[in-house]
């Protein structure tokens, strides 16, 4: 499938074109239906960036964010044992449960609310399955390019309650494990939030960095742009990420190196 050219709000009339300190701010919306899609029967996957058989030279990644795959795994199926190296891999489960087994000896179940981090380093083998008899496992698979290579592979998994994310952006992954987040070997941070009604959340942004907002479900306004489930917003030269007008919204916000 060749996706349509995404909306670039920089090309739209005001209020989507803004000038900040002489530089044009850019907020680009990528609609859910413009992502790559693969239907393997047992697996339905939407690719935000080029992955496997889906290739779009306009979408090879964003900053050091390389992969966001929204995967749905049918009951009793999954990814057989396969390998990775030199990549930070984060799993964010939305519904169902993901069964993980790897060459480091980890055998884990990942339920909704948990964030799993696997640093592939010098190399790791793992499998991911949905062992439930009658429930699809729905999760995001995220890859971020590391800022150090050749490290020993490692694993971490932590739970974050809905209360921690309600009406705010909760840090869930960071380079230093701040605020109880999982530690990633990358110049990046990930925040998770739940917003509805009058709830708002704001995240200041540092100059020279990129921002990426992935709306997991519901609807939300991002810096004045309306996102629906599966949509994403890419931000450059914006001073903050401002979320409002949520309708059962679950969102991930990425702070990224250029």
C-alpha atoms as a PDB file:
ATOM      1  CA  UNK A   1       0.000   0.000   0.000  1.00  0.00           C
ATOM      2  CA  UNK A   2       1.380   3.413  -0.964  1.00  0.00           C
ATOM      3  CA  UNK A   3       0.153   5.891   1.633  1.00  0.00           C
ATOM      4  CA  UNK A   4      -1.050   9.347   0.759  1.00  0.00           C
ATOM      5  CA  UNK A   5       1.182  12.301   1.465  1.00  0.00           C
ATOM      6  CA  UNK A   6       0.648  13.296   5.125  1.00  0.00           C
ATOM      7  CA  UNK A   7      -0.711  16.680   6.108  1.00  0.00           C
ATOM      8  CA  UNK A   8       2.031  19.169   6.889  1.00  0.00           C
ATOM      9  CA  UNK A   9       0.508  21.913   8.956  1.00  0.00           C
ATOM     10  CA  UNK A  10       3.387  24.236   8.055  1.00  0.00           C
ATOM     11  CA  UNK A  11       1.767  24.550   4.618  1.00  0.00           C
ATOM     12  CA  UNK A  12      -1.643  25.506   5.994  1.00  0.00           C
ATOM     13  CA  UNK A  13      -2.801  29.048   6.724  1.00  0.00           C
ATOM     14  CA  UNK A  14      -2.859  30.389  10.281  1.00  0.00           C
ATOM     15  CA  UNK A  15      -3.158  29.208  12.987  1.00  0.00           C
ATOM     16  CA  UNK A  16      -1.093  26.214  11.873  1.00  0.00           C
ATOM     17  CA  UNK A  17       1.877  28.270  10.642  1.00  0.00           C
ATOM     18  CA  UNK A  18       3.629  29.988  13.506  1.00  0.00           C
ATOM     19  CA  UNK A  19       6.875  31.939  13.786  1.00  0.00           C
ATOM     20  CA  UNK A  20       9.085  31.431  16.819  1.00  0.00           C
ATOM     21  CA  UNK A  21      12.283  33.464  17.161  1.00  0.00           C
ATOM     22  CA  UNK A  22      12.524  33.801  13.417  1.00  0.00           C
ATOM     23  CA  UNK A  23      12.143  30.072  12.749  1.00  0.00           C
ATOM     24  CA  UNK A  24       9.042  28.393  11.351  1.00  0.00           C
ATOM     25  CA  UNK A  25       7.494  25.975  13.819  1.00  0.00           C
ATOM     26  CA  UNK A  26       6.309  22.743  12.284  1.00  0.00           C
ATOM     27  CA  UNK A  27       3.557  20.425  13.438  1.00  0.00           C
ATOM     28  CA  UNK A  28       2.958  17.600  10.968  1.00  0.00           C
ATOM     29  CA  UNK A  29      -0.018  15.286  11.416  1.00  0.00           C
ATOM     30  CA  UNK A  30       0.220  11.732  10.081  1.00  0.00           C
ATOM     31  CA  UNK A  31      -3.223  10.175   9.876  1.00  0.00           C
ATOM     32  CA  UNK A  32      -3.782   6.640  11.065  1.00  0.00           C
ATOM     33  CA  UNK A  33      -4.903   5.438   7.638  1.00  0.00           C
ATOM     34  CA  UNK A  34      -1.696   6.723   6.022  1.00  0.00           C
ATOM     35  CA  UNK A  35       0.470   4.257   7.951  1.00  0.00           C
ATOM     36  CA  UNK A  36       1.755   1.074   6.388  1.00  0.00           C
ATOM     37  CA  UNK A  37      -0.379  -2.010   7.014  1.00  0.00           C
ATOM     38  CA  UNK A  38       0.402  -5.721   7.008  1.00  0.00           C
ATOM     39  CA  UNK A  39      -2.191  -8.485   7.381  1.00  0.00           C
ATOM     40  CA  UNK A  40      -0.585 -11.846   8.091  1.00  0.00           C
ATOM     41  CA  UNK A  41      -3.791 -13.474   9.297  1.00  0.00           C
ATOM     42  CA  UNK A  42      -2.513 -14.129  12.799  1.00  0.00           C
ATOM     43  CA  UNK A  43      -1.016 -10.605  12.961  1.00  0.00           C
ATOM     44  CA  UNK A  44      -2.463  -7.252  11.935  1.00  0.00           C
ATOM     45  CA  UNK A  45       0.179  -4.528  12.091  1.00  0.00           C
ATOM     46  CA  UNK A  46       0.197  -0.804  11.328  1.00  0.00           C
ATOM     47  CA  UNK A  47       3.648   0.693  10.697  1.00  0.00           C
ATOM     48  CA  UNK A  48       4.304   4.360  11.480  1.00  0.00           C
ATOM     49  CA  UNK A  49       7.697   4.070   9.779  1.00  0.00           C
ATOM     50  CA  UNK A  50       9.211   1.859   7.097  1.00  0.00           C
ATOM     51  CA  UNK A  51       9.356  -1.704   8.380  1.00  0.00           C
ATOM     52  CA  UNK A  52       9.688  -5.168   6.810  1.00  0.00           C
ATOM     53  CA  UNK A  53       7.732  -5.151   3.529  1.00  0.00           C
ATOM     54  CA  UNK A  54       6.499  -1.568   3.973  1.00  0.00           C
ATOM     55  CA  UNK A  55       8.900   1.059   2.640  1.00  0.00           C
ATOM     56  CA  UNK A  56       8.284   4.781   2.374  1.00  0.00           C
ATOM     57  CA  UNK A  57      11.390   6.967   2.007  1.00  0.00           C
ATOM     58  CA  UNK A  58       9.453   9.869   3.574  1.00  0.00           C
ATOM     59  CA  UNK A  59       8.953   7.846   6.755  1.00  0.00           C
ATOM     60  CA  UNK A  60      12.175   6.099   7.751  1.00  0.00           C
ATOM     61  CA  UNK A  61      11.965   7.313  11.340  1.00  0.00           C
ATOM     62  CA  UNK A  62      11.799  10.588  13.234  1.00  0.00           C
ATOM     63  CA  UNK A  63      14.908  11.704  15.069  1.00  0.00           C
ATOM     64  CA  UNK A  64      16.184   8.582  16.809  1.00  0.00           C
ATOM     65  CA  UNK A  65      12.700   7.001  16.874  1.00  0.00           C
ATOM     66  CA  UNK A  66      12.893   4.187  14.337  1.00  0.00           C
ATOM     67  CA  UNK A  67       9.775   1.999  14.773  1.00  0.00           C
ATOM     68  CA  UNK A  68       6.247   2.255  16.120  1.00  0.00           C
ATOM     69  CA  UNK A  69       4.226  -0.783  15.142  1.00  0.00           C
ATOM     70  CA  UNK A  70       0.668  -1.121  16.383  1.00  0.00           C
ATOM     71  CA  UNK A  71       0.221  -4.896  16.504  1.00  0.00           C
ATOM     72  CA  UNK A  72      -2.769  -7.138  17.116  1.00  0.00           C
ATOM     73  CA  UNK A  73      -1.873 -10.787  17.710  1.00  0.00           C
ATOM     74  CA  UNK A  74      -4.585 -13.427  17.316  1.00  0.00           C
ATOM     75  CA  UNK A  75      -5.216 -15.893  20.172  1.00  0.00           C
ATOM     76  CA  UNK A  76      -2.756 -18.784  20.364  1.00  0.00           C
ATOM     77  CA  UNK A  77      -0.242 -17.204  17.978  1.00  0.00           C
ATOM     78  CA  UNK A  78       2.791 -14.948  18.108  1.00  0.00           C
ATOM     79  CA  UNK A  79       6.296 -14.103  17.017  1.00  0.00           C
ATOM     80  CA  UNK A  80       8.613 -17.116  17.072  1.00  0.00           C
ATOM     81  CA  UNK A  81      12.163 -16.855  18.351  1.00  0.00           C
ATOM     82  CA  UNK A  82      14.098 -14.159  16.486  1.00  0.00           C
ATOM     83  CA  UNK A  83      17.055 -11.896  17.152  1.00  0.00           C
ATOM     84  CA  UNK A  84      17.913  -8.223  17.637  1.00  0.00           C
ATOM     85  CA  UNK A  85      21.065  -6.265  18.309  1.00  0.00           C
ATOM     86  CA  UNK A  86      21.950  -2.645  19.142  1.00  0.00           C
ATOM     87  CA  UNK A  87      18.391  -1.384  19.549  1.00  0.00           C
ATOM     88  CA  UNK A  88      16.265  -0.184  22.469  1.00  0.00           C
ATOM     89  CA  UNK A  89      12.928  -2.016  22.225  1.00  0.00           C
ATOM     90  CA  UNK A  90       9.899  -0.970  24.263  1.00  0.00           C
ATOM     91  CA  UNK A  91       6.573  -2.828  24.439  1.00  0.00           C
ATOM     92  CA  UNK A  92       3.423  -1.017  25.582  1.00  0.00           C
ATOM     93  CA  UNK A  93       0.430  -3.346  25.954  1.00  0.00           C
ATOM     94  CA  UNK A  94      -3.070  -1.937  25.452  1.00  0.00           C
ATOM     95  CA  UNK A  95      -5.236  -5.033  25.905  1.00  0.00           C
ATOM     96  CA  UNK A  96      -4.717  -8.740  26.363  1.00  0.00           C
ATOM     97  CA  UNK A  97      -1.338  -9.950  27.569  1.00  0.00           C
ATOM     98  CA  UNK A  98       1.992 -10.460  25.829  1.00  0.00           C
ATOM     99  CA  UNK A  99       4.065 -13.493  26.807  1.00  0.00           C
ATOM    100  CA  UNK A 100       7.809 -12.833  26.506  1.00  0.00           C
ATOM    101  CA  UNK A 101      10.704 -15.304  26.598  1.00  0.00           C
ATOM    102  CA  UNK A 102      14.329 -14.464  25.821  1.00  0.00           C
ATOM    103  CA  UNK A 103      17.892 -15.780  25.764  1.00  0.00           C
ATOM    104  CA  UNK A 104      18.702 -13.859  28.977  1.00  0.00           C
ATOM    105  CA  UNK A 105      16.415 -16.245  30.883  1.00  0.00           C
ATOM    106  CA  UNK A 106      13.433 -13.912  31.223  1.00  0.00           C
ATOM    107  CA  UNK A 107       9.995 -15.521  30.994  1.00  0.00           C
ATOM    108  CA  UNK A 108       7.425 -12.783  31.582  1.00  0.00           C
ATOM    109  CA  UNK A 109       3.818 -11.837  31.047  1.00  0.00           C
ATOM    110  CA  UNK A 110       3.255  -8.207  30.070  1.00  0.00           C
ATOM    111  CA  UNK A 111      -0.258  -6.945  30.944  1.00  0.00           C
ATOM    112  CA  UNK A 112      -1.801  -3.542  30.147  1.00  0.00           C
ATOM    113  CA  UNK A 113      -0.176  -0.828  32.248  1.00  0.00           C
ATOM    114  CA  UNK A 114       3.266  -2.416  32.103  1.00  0.00           C
ATOM    115  CA  UNK A 115       6.155  -1.003  30.090  1.00  0.00           C
ATOM    116  CA  UNK A 116       8.807  -3.474  28.997  1.00  0.00           C
ATOM    117  CA  UNK A 117      12.292  -2.412  27.907  1.00  0.00           C
ATOM    118  CA  UNK A 118      14.759  -4.742  26.221  1.00  0.00           C
ATOM    119  CA  UNK A 119      18.215  -3.462  25.312  1.00  0.00           C
ATOM    120  CA  UNK A 120      19.406  -5.759  22.529  1.00  0.00           C
ATOM    121  CA  UNK A 121      23.064  -4.704  22.754  1.00  0.00           C
ATOM    122  CA  UNK A 122      25.461  -7.362  21.475  1.00  0.00           C
ATOM    123  CA  UNK A 123      22.524  -9.595  20.628  1.00  0.00           C
ATOM    124  CA  UNK A 124      19.436 -11.207  22.119  1.00  0.00           C
ATOM    125  CA  UNK A 125      16.954 -13.839  20.982  1.00  0.00           C
ATOM    126  CA  UNK A 126      13.326 -13.662  22.081  1.00  0.00           C
ATOM    127  CA  UNK A 127       9.757 -14.685  21.307  1.00  0.00           C
ATOM    128  CA  UNK A 128       6.406 -12.975  21.929  1.00  0.00           C
ATOM    129  CA  UNK A 129       3.098 -14.835  22.079  1.00  0.00           C
ATOM    130  CA  UNK A 130      -0.554 -14.415  22.900  1.00  0.00           C
ATOM    131  CA  UNK A 131      -1.470 -17.545  24.843  1.00  0.00           C
ATOM    132  CA  UNK A 132      -5.033 -16.417  25.623  1.00  0.00           C
ATOM    133  CA  UNK A 133      -7.720 -18.665  24.156  1.00  0.00           C
ATOM    134  CA  UNK A 134     -10.201 -15.976  23.189  1.00  0.00           C
ATOM    135  CA  UNK A 135      -8.571 -12.565  23.380  1.00  0.00           C
ATOM    136  CA  UNK A 136      -6.464 -10.567  20.934  1.00  0.00           C
ATOM    137  CA  UNK A 137      -3.283  -8.995  22.282  1.00  0.00           C
ATOM    138  CA  UNK A 138      -3.057  -5.347  21.221  1.00  0.00           C
ATOM    139  CA  UNK A 139       0.244  -3.574  21.824  1.00  0.00           C
ATOM    140  CA  UNK A 140       2.745  -1.035  20.530  1.00  0.00           C
ATOM    141  CA  UNK A 141       6.230  -2.200  19.589  1.00  0.00           C
ATOM    142  CA  UNK A 142       8.663   0.735  19.741  1.00  0.00           C
ATOM    143  CA  UNK A 143      12.297   0.833  18.619  1.00  0.00           C
ATOM    144  CA  UNK A 144      14.651   3.686  19.500  1.00  0.00           C
ATOM    145  CA  UNK A 145      18.213   3.882  18.235  1.00  0.00           C
ATOM    146  CA  UNK A 146      20.678   3.588  21.140  1.00  0.00           C
ATOM    147  CA  UNK A 147      23.349   6.140  22.000  1.00  0.00           C
ATOM    148  CA  UNK A 148      25.799   3.357  22.883  1.00  0.00           C
ATOM    149  CA  UNK A 149      26.441   0.133  21.003  1.00  0.00           C
ATOM    150  CA  UNK A 150      27.908  -3.214  21.920  1.00  0.00           C
ATOM    151  CA  UNK A 151      26.581  -3.256  25.487  1.00  0.00           C
ATOM    152  CA  UNK A 152      25.455  -6.412  27.264  1.00  0.00           C
ATOM    153  CA  UNK A 153      21.758  -7.112  26.582  1.00  0.00           C
ATOM    154  CA  UNK A 154      19.390  -6.335  29.461  1.00  0.00           C
ATOM    155  CA  UNK A 155      15.715  -6.375  30.411  1.00  0.00           C
ATOM    156  CA  UNK A 156      13.420  -4.267  32.573  1.00  0.00           C
ATOM    157  CA  UNK A 157       9.662  -4.185  33.173  1.00  0.00           C
ATOM    158  CA  UNK A 158       7.619  -1.811  35.333  1.00  0.00           C
ATOM    159  CA  UNK A 159       3.934  -1.143  36.017  1.00  0.00           C
ATOM    160  CA  UNK A 160       2.278   2.280  35.785  1.00  0.00           C
ATOM    161  CA  UNK A 161      -1.263   2.631  37.109  1.00  0.00           C
ATOM    162  CA  UNK A 162      -4.008   4.598  35.382  1.00  0.00           C
ATOM    163  CA  UNK A 163      -4.032   6.966  38.359  1.00  0.00           C
ATOM    164  CA  UNK A 164      -0.401   7.897  37.636  1.00  0.00           C
ATOM    165  CA  UNK A 165      -1.334   8.867  34.068  1.00  0.00           C
ATOM    166  CA  UNK A 166      -4.747  10.427  34.625  1.00  0.00           C
ATOM    167  CA  UNK A 167      -4.781  14.081  33.518  1.00  0.00           C
ATOM    168  CA  UNK A 168      -0.989  14.243  33.273  1.00  0.00           C
ATOM    169  CA  UNK A 169       2.035  12.977  31.372  1.00  0.00           C
ATOM    170  CA  UNK A 170       3.809  10.282  33.367  1.00  0.00           C
ATOM    171  CA  UNK A 171       7.463   9.625  32.519  1.00  0.00           C
ATOM    172  CA  UNK A 172       7.702   5.908  31.691  1.00  0.00           C
ATOM    173  CA  UNK A 173      11.111   5.640  29.940  1.00  0.00           C
ATOM    174  CA  UNK A 174      14.212   7.801  30.205  1.00  0.00           C
ATOM    175  CA  UNK A 175      18.033   7.684  29.897  1.00  0.00           C
ATOM    176  CA  UNK A 176      18.510   7.767  33.685  1.00  0.00           C
ATOM    177  CA  UNK A 177      15.466   5.892  34.975  1.00  0.00           C
ATOM    178  CA  UNK A 178      14.145   9.101  36.549  1.00  0.00           C
ATOM    179  CA  UNK A 179      10.890   9.039  38.540  1.00  0.00           C
ATOM    180  CA  UNK A 180      10.809   5.264  38.514  1.00  0.00           C
ATOM    181  CA  UNK A 181      10.748   5.005  34.712  1.00  0.00           C
ATOM    182  CA  UNK A 182      12.424   2.198  32.807  1.00  0.00           C
ATOM    183  CA  UNK A 183      15.985   3.041  31.762  1.00  0.00           C
ATOM    184  CA  UNK A 184      16.739   3.222  28.050  1.00  0.00           C
ATOM    185  CA  UNK A 185      20.213   3.524  26.530  1.00  0.00           C
ATOM    186  CA  UNK A 186      19.108   6.323  24.211  1.00  0.00           C
ATOM    187  CA  UNK A 187      18.817  10.105  24.116  1.00  0.00           C
ATOM    188  CA  UNK A 188      15.038   9.966  24.408  1.00  0.00           C
ATOM    189  CA  UNK A 189      12.184   9.965  26.898  1.00  0.00           C
ATOM    190  CA  UNK A 190       8.641   8.612  26.709  1.00  0.00           C
ATOM    191  CA  UNK A 191       5.619   9.929  28.596  1.00  0.00           C
ATOM    192  CA  UNK A 192       2.172   8.304  28.861  1.00  0.00           C
ATOM    193  CA  UNK A 193      -1.077  10.114  29.621  1.00  0.00           C
ATOM    194  CA  UNK A 194      -4.828   9.601  29.927  1.00  0.00           C
ATOM    195  CA  UNK A 195      -7.073  12.604  29.241  1.00  0.00           C
ATOM    196  CA  UNK A 196     -10.809  13.214  29.104  1.00  0.00           C
ATOM    197  CA  UNK A 197     -13.091  16.222  29.419  1.00  0.00           C
ATOM    198  CA  UNK A 198     -11.436  19.300  30.897  1.00  0.00           C
ATOM    199  CA  UNK A 199      -8.147  17.555  31.700  1.00  0.00           C
ATOM    200  CA  UNK A 200      -5.060  19.141  30.151  1.00  0.00           C
ATOM    201  CA  UNK A 201      -1.357  18.307  30.151  1.00  0.00           C
ATOM    202  CA  UNK A 202       1.658  20.302  29.023  1.00  0.00           C
ATOM    203  CA  UNK A 203       5.251  19.242  28.430  1.00  0.00           C
ATOM    204  CA  UNK A 204       7.911  21.952  27.893  1.00  0.00           C
ATOM    205  CA  UNK A 205      10.293  21.261  25.014  1.00  0.00           C
ATOM    206  CA  UNK A 206      13.986  22.030  24.765  1.00  0.00           C
ATOM    207  CA  UNK A 207      15.407  23.813  21.702  1.00  0.00           C
ATOM    208  CA  UNK A 208      16.971  21.569  19.082  1.00  0.00           C
ATOM    209  CA  UNK A 209      14.935  18.483  19.962  1.00  0.00           C
ATOM    210  CA  UNK A 210      12.056  16.741  18.243  1.00  0.00           C
ATOM    211  CA  UNK A 211       8.699  15.788  19.690  1.00  0.00           C
ATOM    212  CA  UNK A 212       6.417  12.973  18.596  1.00  0.00           C
ATOM    213  CA  UNK A 213       2.877  12.367  19.853  1.00  0.00           C
ATOM    214  CA  UNK A 214       1.200   8.997  19.216  1.00  0.00           C
ATOM    215  CA  UNK A 215      -2.491   8.860  20.036  1.00  0.00           C
ATOM    216  CA  UNK A 216      -3.201   5.298  21.085  1.00  0.00           C
ATOM    217  CA  UNK A 217      -6.977   5.638  21.424  1.00  0.00           C
ATOM    218  CA  UNK A 218      -9.700   8.250  21.715  1.00  0.00           C
ATOM    219  CA  UNK A 219      -9.446  11.844  20.496  1.00  0.00           C
ATOM    220  CA  UNK A 220      -7.240  14.714  21.676  1.00  0.00           C
ATOM    221  CA  UNK A 221      -6.034  18.166  20.647  1.00  0.00           C
ATOM    222  CA  UNK A 222      -2.251  18.574  20.291  1.00  0.00           C
ATOM    223  CA  UNK A 223      -1.103  22.204  20.065  1.00  0.00           C
ATOM    224  CA  UNK A 224      -4.417  23.038  18.391  1.00  0.00           C
ATOM    225  CA  UNK A 225      -4.464  20.084  15.965  1.00  0.00           C
ATOM    226  CA  UNK A 226      -7.103  17.383  16.343  1.00  0.00           C
ATOM    227  CA  UNK A 227      -5.867  13.786  16.539  1.00  0.00           C
ATOM    228  CA  UNK A 228      -7.962  10.636  16.412  1.00  0.00           C
ATOM    229  CA  UNK A 229      -6.954   7.117  17.430  1.00  0.00           C
ATOM    230  CA  UNK A 230      -3.871   5.988  15.522  1.00  0.00           C
ATOM    231  CA  UNK A 231      -2.908   9.505  14.396  1.00  0.00           C
ATOM    232  CA  UNK A 232       0.470  11.020  15.231  1.00  0.00           C
ATOM    233  CA  UNK A 233       1.897  14.533  15.427  1.00  0.00           C
ATOM    234  CA  UNK A 234       5.538  15.371  14.680  1.00  0.00           C
ATOM    235  CA  UNK A 235       6.800  18.580  16.270  1.00  0.00           C
ATOM    236  CA  UNK A 236       9.832  20.693  15.447  1.00  0.00           C
ATOM    237  CA  UNK A 237      10.706  24.085  16.973  1.00  0.00           C
ATOM    238  CA  UNK A 238       7.600  23.985  19.168  1.00  0.00           C
ATOM    239  CA  UNK A 239       8.211  25.283  22.690  1.00  0.00           C
ATOM    240  CA  UNK A 240       5.816  22.815  24.318  1.00  0.00           C
ATOM    241  CA  UNK A 241       3.447  19.929  23.782  1.00  0.00           C
ATOM    242  CA  UNK A 242      -0.024  20.971  24.909  1.00  0.00           C
ATOM    243  CA  UNK A 243      -2.780  18.341  25.182  1.00  0.00           C
ATOM    244  CA  UNK A 244      -6.453  19.204  25.683  1.00  0.00           C
ATOM    245  CA  UNK A 245      -9.986  18.260  24.657  1.00  0.00           C
ATOM    246  CA  UNK A 246      -9.426  14.577  25.320  1.00  0.00           C
ATOM    247  CA  UNK A 247     -12.188  12.060  24.747  1.00  0.00           C
ATOM    248  CA  UNK A 248     -11.092   8.810  26.396  1.00  0.00           C
ATOM    249  CA  UNK A 249      -7.608   9.610  25.081  1.00  0.00           C
ATOM    250  CA  UNK A 250      -4.507   7.540  25.747  1.00  0.00           C
ATOM    251  CA  UNK A 251      -1.378   9.133  24.400  1.00  0.00           C
ATOM    252  CA  UNK A 252       2.385   8.601  24.253  1.00  0.00           C
ATOM    253  CA  UNK A 253       4.671  11.625  23.960  1.00  0.00           C
ATOM    254  CA  UNK A 254       8.285  11.199  22.849  1.00  0.00           C
ATOM    255  CA  UNK A 255      11.125  13.642  23.508  1.00  0.00           C
ATOM    256  CA  UNK A 256      13.762  12.822  20.885  1.00  0.00           C
ATOM    257  CA  UNK A 257      17.235  13.720  19.693  1.00  0.00           C
ATOM    258  CA  UNK A 258      17.494  15.144  16.183  1.00  0.00           C
END
